[in-house]
Protein backbone atom coordinates (compact mmCIF):
# COMPACT_ATOMS: atom_id res chain seq x y z
CA MET A 1 -10.73 -27.22 19.69
CA THR A 2 -12.74 -24.12 20.33
CA THR A 3 -11.70 -20.88 18.75
CA SER A 4 -12.39 -17.23 19.51
CA HIS A 5 -13.40 -16.57 15.95
CA ASP A 6 -14.47 -18.17 12.77
CA LEU A 7 -12.42 -15.79 10.83
CA ILE A 8 -9.51 -13.52 11.66
CA VAL A 9 -8.55 -10.57 8.97
CA VAL A 10 -5.43 -9.12 9.54
CA GLY A 11 -5.14 -5.77 7.88
CA GLU A 12 -7.93 -3.15 7.52
CA GLY A 13 -6.86 -1.83 4.32
CA ILE A 14 -9.65 -1.92 1.40
CA ALA A 15 -9.22 -5.48 0.70
CA GLY A 16 -9.28 -6.42 4.43
CA LEU A 17 -12.23 -4.14 5.13
CA THR A 18 -14.11 -5.58 2.13
CA CYS A 19 -13.41 -9.14 3.02
CA ALA A 20 -14.45 -9.03 6.67
CA GLY A 21 -17.66 -6.99 5.91
CA GLU A 22 -18.56 -9.75 3.15
CA ALA A 23 -17.82 -12.75 5.51
CA ALA A 24 -19.94 -11.09 8.18
CA ARG A 25 -22.80 -10.48 6.16
CA LEU A 26 -22.77 -14.28 5.35
CA GLY A 27 -22.90 -15.13 8.89
CA VAL A 28 -19.23 -15.62 9.74
CA LYS A 29 -17.88 -14.71 12.99
CA VAL A 30 -15.26 -12.07 12.08
CA ALA A 31 -12.47 -10.02 13.93
CA THR A 32 -9.99 -7.68 12.20
CA PHE A 33 -6.75 -6.44 13.72
CA GLU A 34 -4.95 -3.21 12.45
CA ALA A 35 -1.69 -2.06 13.79
CA GLU A 36 -2.28 1.59 12.54
CA PHE A 37 -5.35 3.18 11.09
CA PHE A 38 -8.04 1.66 8.82
CA GLY A 39 -7.58 2.15 5.22
CA GLY A 40 -3.98 1.56 4.66
CA LEU A 41 -2.18 3.40 1.95
CA VAL A 42 -5.42 4.53 0.40
CA LEU A 43 -5.78 7.10 3.34
CA ASN A 44 -2.97 9.16 1.26
CA VAL A 45 -5.17 9.50 -1.87
CA ASN A 46 -7.78 12.20 -1.88
CA GLU A 47 -9.12 11.22 -5.26
CA LEU A 48 -9.66 7.45 -6.00
CA HIS A 49 -9.08 6.51 -9.90
CA ARG A 50 -10.70 3.78 -11.66
CA PHE A 51 -12.72 2.59 -8.55
CA ASP A 52 -16.46 3.55 -9.14
CA GLU A 53 -17.57 1.52 -6.05
CA ALA A 54 -16.05 4.52 -3.90
CA GLY A 55 -18.74 6.97 -5.64
CA GLY A 56 -16.08 9.74 -5.64
CA LEU A 57 -15.23 9.63 -2.09
CA SER A 58 -11.57 10.10 -0.76
CA GLY A 59 -9.51 7.17 0.24
CA MET A 60 -10.19 8.14 3.93
CA ASP A 61 -13.95 8.54 3.34
CA HIS A 62 -14.43 5.33 1.48
CA ALA A 63 -12.46 3.28 4.19
CA ALA A 64 -14.36 4.97 6.84
CA THR A 65 -17.66 3.80 5.18
CA LEU A 66 -16.69 0.43 5.05
CA ALA A 67 -15.46 0.38 8.75
CA ARG A 68 -18.97 1.68 9.87
CA ALA A 69 -20.66 -0.88 7.74
CA ASN A 70 -18.55 -3.70 9.21
CA ALA A 71 -19.16 -2.68 12.78
CA LYS A 72 -23.03 -2.68 11.92
CA ALA A 73 -22.38 -6.16 10.59
CA GLY A 74 -20.81 -7.32 13.71
CA VAL A 75 -17.22 -7.46 13.05
CA LYS A 76 -15.16 -7.03 15.91
CA SER A 77 -12.27 -4.31 15.02
CA THR A 78 -9.38 -4.25 17.14
CA ASN A 79 -6.33 -1.41 16.98
CA GLN A 80 -3.52 -3.98 17.55
CA ALA A 81 -0.65 -5.08 15.73
CA VAL A 82 -0.46 -8.73 14.71
CA ASN A 83 3.26 -10.13 15.32
CA ALA A 84 2.88 -13.74 13.95
CA VAL A 85 0.31 -16.13 12.61
CA ARG A 86 0.86 -19.92 13.44
CA ALA A 87 -0.86 -22.86 12.18
CA ILE A 88 -2.28 -25.30 14.91
CA ASP A 89 -4.44 -28.36 15.02
CA GLY A 90 -8.02 -27.19 14.03
CA GLY A 91 -7.05 -23.44 13.25
CA PHE A 92 -4.60 -20.78 13.83
CA GLU A 93 -3.27 -18.64 16.77
CA VAL A 94 -2.61 -15.23 15.90
CA ASP A 95 -0.26 -13.33 18.25
CA THR A 96 -0.95 -9.69 18.80
CA GLY A 97 0.22 -6.72 20.97
CA ALA A 98 -2.48 -7.69 23.70
CA GLY A 99 -2.28 -11.50 23.60
CA THR A 100 -3.05 -14.64 21.60
CA VAL A 101 -6.34 -15.15 19.99
CA THR A 102 -7.54 -18.23 18.00
CA SER A 103 -9.53 -18.68 14.81
CA ARG A 104 -10.71 -21.35 12.12
CA PHE A 105 -9.31 -19.51 9.40
CA VAL A 106 -7.12 -16.38 8.60
CA VAL A 107 -6.88 -13.99 5.91
CA LEU A 108 -3.78 -11.80 5.50
CA ALA A 109 -4.72 -8.47 3.86
CA THR A 110 -1.37 -6.87 5.46
CA GLY A 111 -0.73 -4.70 2.42
CA ALA A 112 2.69 -3.40 1.40
CA ARG A 113 4.77 -0.15 2.27
CA LEU A 114 6.58 2.06 -0.03
CA LYS A 115 10.17 1.26 -0.83
CA LYS A 116 12.80 3.45 0.22
CA LEU A 117 15.55 4.48 -1.96
CA GLY A 118 18.33 3.67 0.56
CA VAL A 119 20.30 6.61 -0.55
CA PRO A 120 22.55 9.24 1.56
CA GLY A 121 20.43 11.89 3.15
CA GLU A 122 16.80 9.96 2.72
CA GLU A 123 16.64 9.37 6.34
CA GLU A 124 18.50 12.68 7.48
CA PHE A 125 15.81 14.71 5.71
CA GLN A 126 12.84 12.62 6.36
CA GLY A 127 10.16 15.49 7.30
CA ARG A 128 12.40 18.23 6.19
CA GLY A 129 11.69 17.74 2.36
CA VAL A 130 11.50 13.99 2.05
CA SER A 131 7.92 12.85 2.07
CA HIS A 132 5.60 9.97 1.31
CA CYS A 133 2.34 11.70 0.75
CA ALA A 134 1.75 13.88 -1.98
CA ASP A 135 -1.76 14.39 -1.19
CA CYS A 136 -0.84 15.33 2.35
CA ASP A 137 2.22 17.43 1.88
CA ALA A 138 1.78 19.31 -1.53
CA PRO A 139 0.84 22.48 0.08
CA MET A 140 4.10 22.75 2.07
CA PHE A 141 5.81 22.94 -1.22
CA THR A 142 3.61 25.80 -2.94
CA GLY A 143 5.78 27.62 -5.28
CA ALA A 144 8.66 25.29 -4.89
CA GLU A 145 10.70 22.65 -6.96
CA VAL A 146 10.11 19.07 -6.16
CA VAL A 147 11.22 15.63 -7.39
CA VAL A 148 9.15 12.42 -7.72
CA ALA A 149 11.27 9.39 -7.81
CA GLY A 150 9.47 6.66 -10.20
CA GLY A 151 7.67 6.27 -13.32
CA GLY A 152 4.54 4.10 -12.52
CA ASP A 153 1.20 4.93 -12.11
CA TRP A 154 1.35 5.91 -8.36
CA ALA A 155 4.40 8.12 -9.06
CA LEU A 156 2.61 9.93 -11.96
CA GLN A 157 -0.64 10.44 -9.90
CA ASP A 158 1.62 12.11 -7.27
CA ALA A 159 3.32 14.16 -9.82
CA MET A 160 -0.11 15.44 -11.29
CA VAL A 161 -1.14 16.34 -7.58
CA LEU A 162 2.03 18.21 -6.63
CA ALA A 163 2.04 20.24 -9.97
CA ALA A 164 -1.23 21.65 -8.64
CA GLU A 165 1.04 23.56 -6.01
CA CYS A 166 4.61 23.55 -7.15
CA SER A 167 6.26 25.56 -9.77
CA VAL A 168 8.18 22.54 -10.92
CA VAL A 169 7.79 18.90 -10.77
CA HIS A 170 10.95 16.61 -11.54
CA VAL A 171 9.97 13.10 -12.34
CA VAL A 172 12.87 10.89 -12.05
CA HIS A 173 12.99 7.32 -13.53
CA GLU A 174 15.46 4.61 -14.44
CA GLY A 175 13.80 3.37 -17.35
CA ALA A 176 13.83 4.61 -21.19
CA GLN A 177 10.01 4.78 -21.06
CA LEU A 178 7.53 5.54 -18.10
CA SER A 179 5.90 2.33 -16.96
CA ALA A 180 2.58 3.83 -16.02
CA CYS A 181 -0.69 3.34 -17.89
CA PRO A 182 -1.06 5.55 -21.13
CA ASP A 183 -3.71 7.94 -20.14
CA TYR A 184 -1.59 9.01 -16.86
CA VAL A 185 1.42 9.10 -19.20
CA ASP A 186 -0.50 11.60 -21.58
CA MET A 187 -1.56 13.80 -18.47
CA VAL A 188 2.05 14.21 -17.27
CA ARG A 189 3.23 15.13 -20.71
CA ALA A 190 0.66 17.69 -21.30
CA GLN A 191 1.46 19.35 -17.83
CA PRO A 192 3.91 22.13 -18.51
CA LYS A 193 5.18 22.06 -15.09
CA ILE A 194 6.20 18.52 -15.06
CA ARG A 195 9.60 17.46 -16.55
CA ILE A 196 10.69 14.12 -17.09
CA HIS A 197 14.24 12.85 -16.36
CA ALA A 198 14.47 9.30 -17.78
CA GLN A 199 17.27 6.77 -17.31
CA ARG A 200 18.46 8.51 -14.16
CA SER A 201 18.73 7.32 -10.54
CA ILE A 202 18.88 9.37 -7.34
CA GLU A 203 22.29 8.73 -5.86
CA ALA A 204 21.89 11.02 -2.87
CA VAL A 205 19.41 13.68 -1.07
CA LEU A 206 21.10 16.87 -0.34
CA GLY A 207 20.69 19.40 2.03
CA ASP A 208 21.68 21.68 5.05
CA ASP A 209 20.54 22.62 8.76
CA ARG A 210 17.52 24.22 7.05
CA GLY A 211 16.45 21.07 5.33
CA MET A 212 16.53 19.44 1.77
CA THR A 213 17.98 21.46 -0.93
CA GLY A 214 18.23 19.13 -3.92
CA VAL A 215 19.33 15.57 -5.21
CA ARG A 216 22.22 14.06 -6.97
CA LEU A 217 21.40 12.06 -10.03
CA ARG A 218 23.27 9.50 -11.78
CA ASP A 219 22.97 8.45 -15.40
CA ARG A 220 23.53 5.18 -17.17
CA GLU A 221 27.18 6.24 -18.16
CA GLY A 222 27.80 7.00 -14.60
CA SER A 223 27.98 10.96 -15.02
CA THR A 224 26.40 12.71 -12.09
CA SER A 225 24.48 16.17 -11.67
CA GLU A 226 22.61 18.09 -9.28
CA LEU A 227 19.01 19.11 -9.33
CA ALA A 228 17.81 21.65 -6.90
CA ALA A 229 14.67 20.84 -4.98
CA ALA A 230 12.92 21.49 -1.86
CA GLY A 231 11.29 18.16 -1.55
CA LEU A 232 11.36 14.22 -2.66
CA PHE A 233 8.38 11.87 -3.13
CA ALA A 234 9.81 8.42 -3.48
CA VAL A 235 7.21 6.16 -5.30
CA THR A 236 9.59 3.57 -6.80
CA GLY A 237 7.66 0.25 -5.62
CA LEU A 238 6.37 -1.48 -2.72
CA GLU A 239 7.87 -4.04 -0.13
CA PRO A 240 5.09 -6.58 1.16
CA ASN A 241 4.13 -6.86 4.75
CA SER A 242 4.46 -10.48 4.84
CA GLY A 243 6.39 -10.98 7.92
CA VAL A 244 3.85 -12.12 10.01
CA ALA A 245 2.87 -15.19 7.85
CA PRO A 246 3.90 -18.98 8.88
CA VAL A 247 7.28 -20.03 7.05
CA ALA A 248 5.25 -22.57 5.52
CA ALA A 249 3.52 -19.92 3.37
CA ALA A 250 5.63 -19.66 0.24
CA ARG A 251 6.70 -16.38 -0.99
CA ASP A 252 8.27 -15.11 -4.06
CA ALA A 253 11.64 -13.54 -4.69
CA SER A 254 10.35 -10.17 -3.46
CA GLY A 255 8.57 -11.61 -0.44
CA PHE A 256 5.10 -11.47 -1.75
CA LEU A 257 2.90 -14.44 -0.63
CA VAL A 258 2.42 -17.04 -3.21
CA VAL A 259 -1.39 -18.21 -3.49
CA ASN A 260 -3.39 -20.58 -6.05
CA ALA A 261 -6.27 -19.71 -7.81
CA GLU A 262 -8.51 -19.39 -4.73
CA LEU A 263 -6.04 -16.99 -3.10
CA GLU A 264 -4.82 -19.44 -0.49
CA THR A 265 -1.35 -19.93 0.54
CA ALA A 266 0.43 -22.99 0.81
CA VAL A 267 -1.00 -23.12 4.44
CA PRO A 268 -4.59 -24.75 4.18
CA GLY A 269 -7.07 -22.33 5.74
CA LEU A 270 -4.68 -19.25 5.33
CA TRP A 271 -5.47 -16.75 2.26
CA ALA A 272 -3.59 -13.76 1.09
CA ILE A 273 -5.47 -10.75 -0.56
CA GLY A 274 -4.41 -7.35 -2.03
CA GLN A 275 -0.96 -5.77 -2.06
CA VAL A 276 0.43 -8.60 -0.01
CA ARG A 277 0.07 -11.46 -2.63
CA ALA A 278 2.12 -12.27 -5.37
CA GLY A 279 0.33 -11.28 -8.68
CA PHE A 280 -1.81 -8.69 -7.16
CA GLY A 281 -3.37 -6.16 -9.90
CA GLY A 282 -2.54 -3.31 -7.90
CA TRP A 283 -5.90 -1.35 -8.33
CA LEU A 284 -8.65 -0.89 -5.65
CA ALA A 285 -10.97 -2.70 -7.84
CA ASP A 286 -8.58 -5.54 -7.64
CA ALA A 287 -8.56 -5.45 -3.77
CA ALA A 288 -12.27 -5.76 -3.79
CA ALA A 289 -12.28 -8.61 -6.31
CA ASP A 290 -9.62 -10.51 -4.21
CA ALA A 291 -11.93 -9.90 -0.91
CA ARG A 292 -15.31 -11.16 -1.83
CA PRO A 293 -14.63 -14.52 -3.18
CA VAL A 294 -12.26 -15.46 -0.17
CA ALA A 295 -15.08 -14.46 2.20
CA GLN A 296 -17.29 -16.88 0.26
CA SER A 297 -14.69 -19.54 0.41
CA VAL A 298 -14.36 -19.15 4.17
CA LYS A 299 -18.28 -19.61 4.50
CA ALA A 300 -18.04 -22.67 2.40
CA ARG A 301 -15.38 -24.25 4.42
CA MET A 302 -17.55 -23.72 7.76
CA GLY A 303 -20.08 -26.33 6.53
């Protein structure tokens, strides 16, 4: 069969942009599809840590640099959602908001989304205290007390960003110890504005007609307490955007796509890179490390 493209990359986060650019420079005919805006979750990060490749740029600026380079290399970028990817004889059909396109190979770089806490008040006070972007919204909480839910790297990065603006940052996490890397833990513990609330979970977001006023906490013994705060930033984990993959592409218990050592899924010719795959390292350097070998594998498969 004749296909529209050699390769379709679904998603224009750092992994997708890097893979598409590398493949195009190798002579592969590449198209990318992105439902929202290129860059993905990295757009919310003003300072990229542990990623020298960005050269000190913000997440948005680095993504824009990659997108411009891809355009020059011949990558066709389309701002359309992909609804499904189906394996067919000789390649794949990719259903988009503008119709169906075909490709010999597909790379899923669809990333992940922040998990919601799923507690009462979270939806009600979304945009009225509940936020998902510390870099974006920190100035809205200048001089106020806020809560960060989570104890991992991203949560502590957000806590440090918020501490530059807020009077107090309460970090609430369920574990006995923070799970972030040691240098982040050290930075947070050295910041006098940050207070750690271990072995506690957020049971509800509280508020009134004017907006969020605090959260209700529950400890491991079942006792509850209330914490006054004007804002809540939930950073407790990620959920993969793996729904567009064929059913035959195996997923782990959390929905992340299972891949082999070459990052190929159980469907031949379909790779998964970055946050959407099981076992991903989580750092931007890991995204770039996923992307380039897969682009080279696609080129090798073309013969």
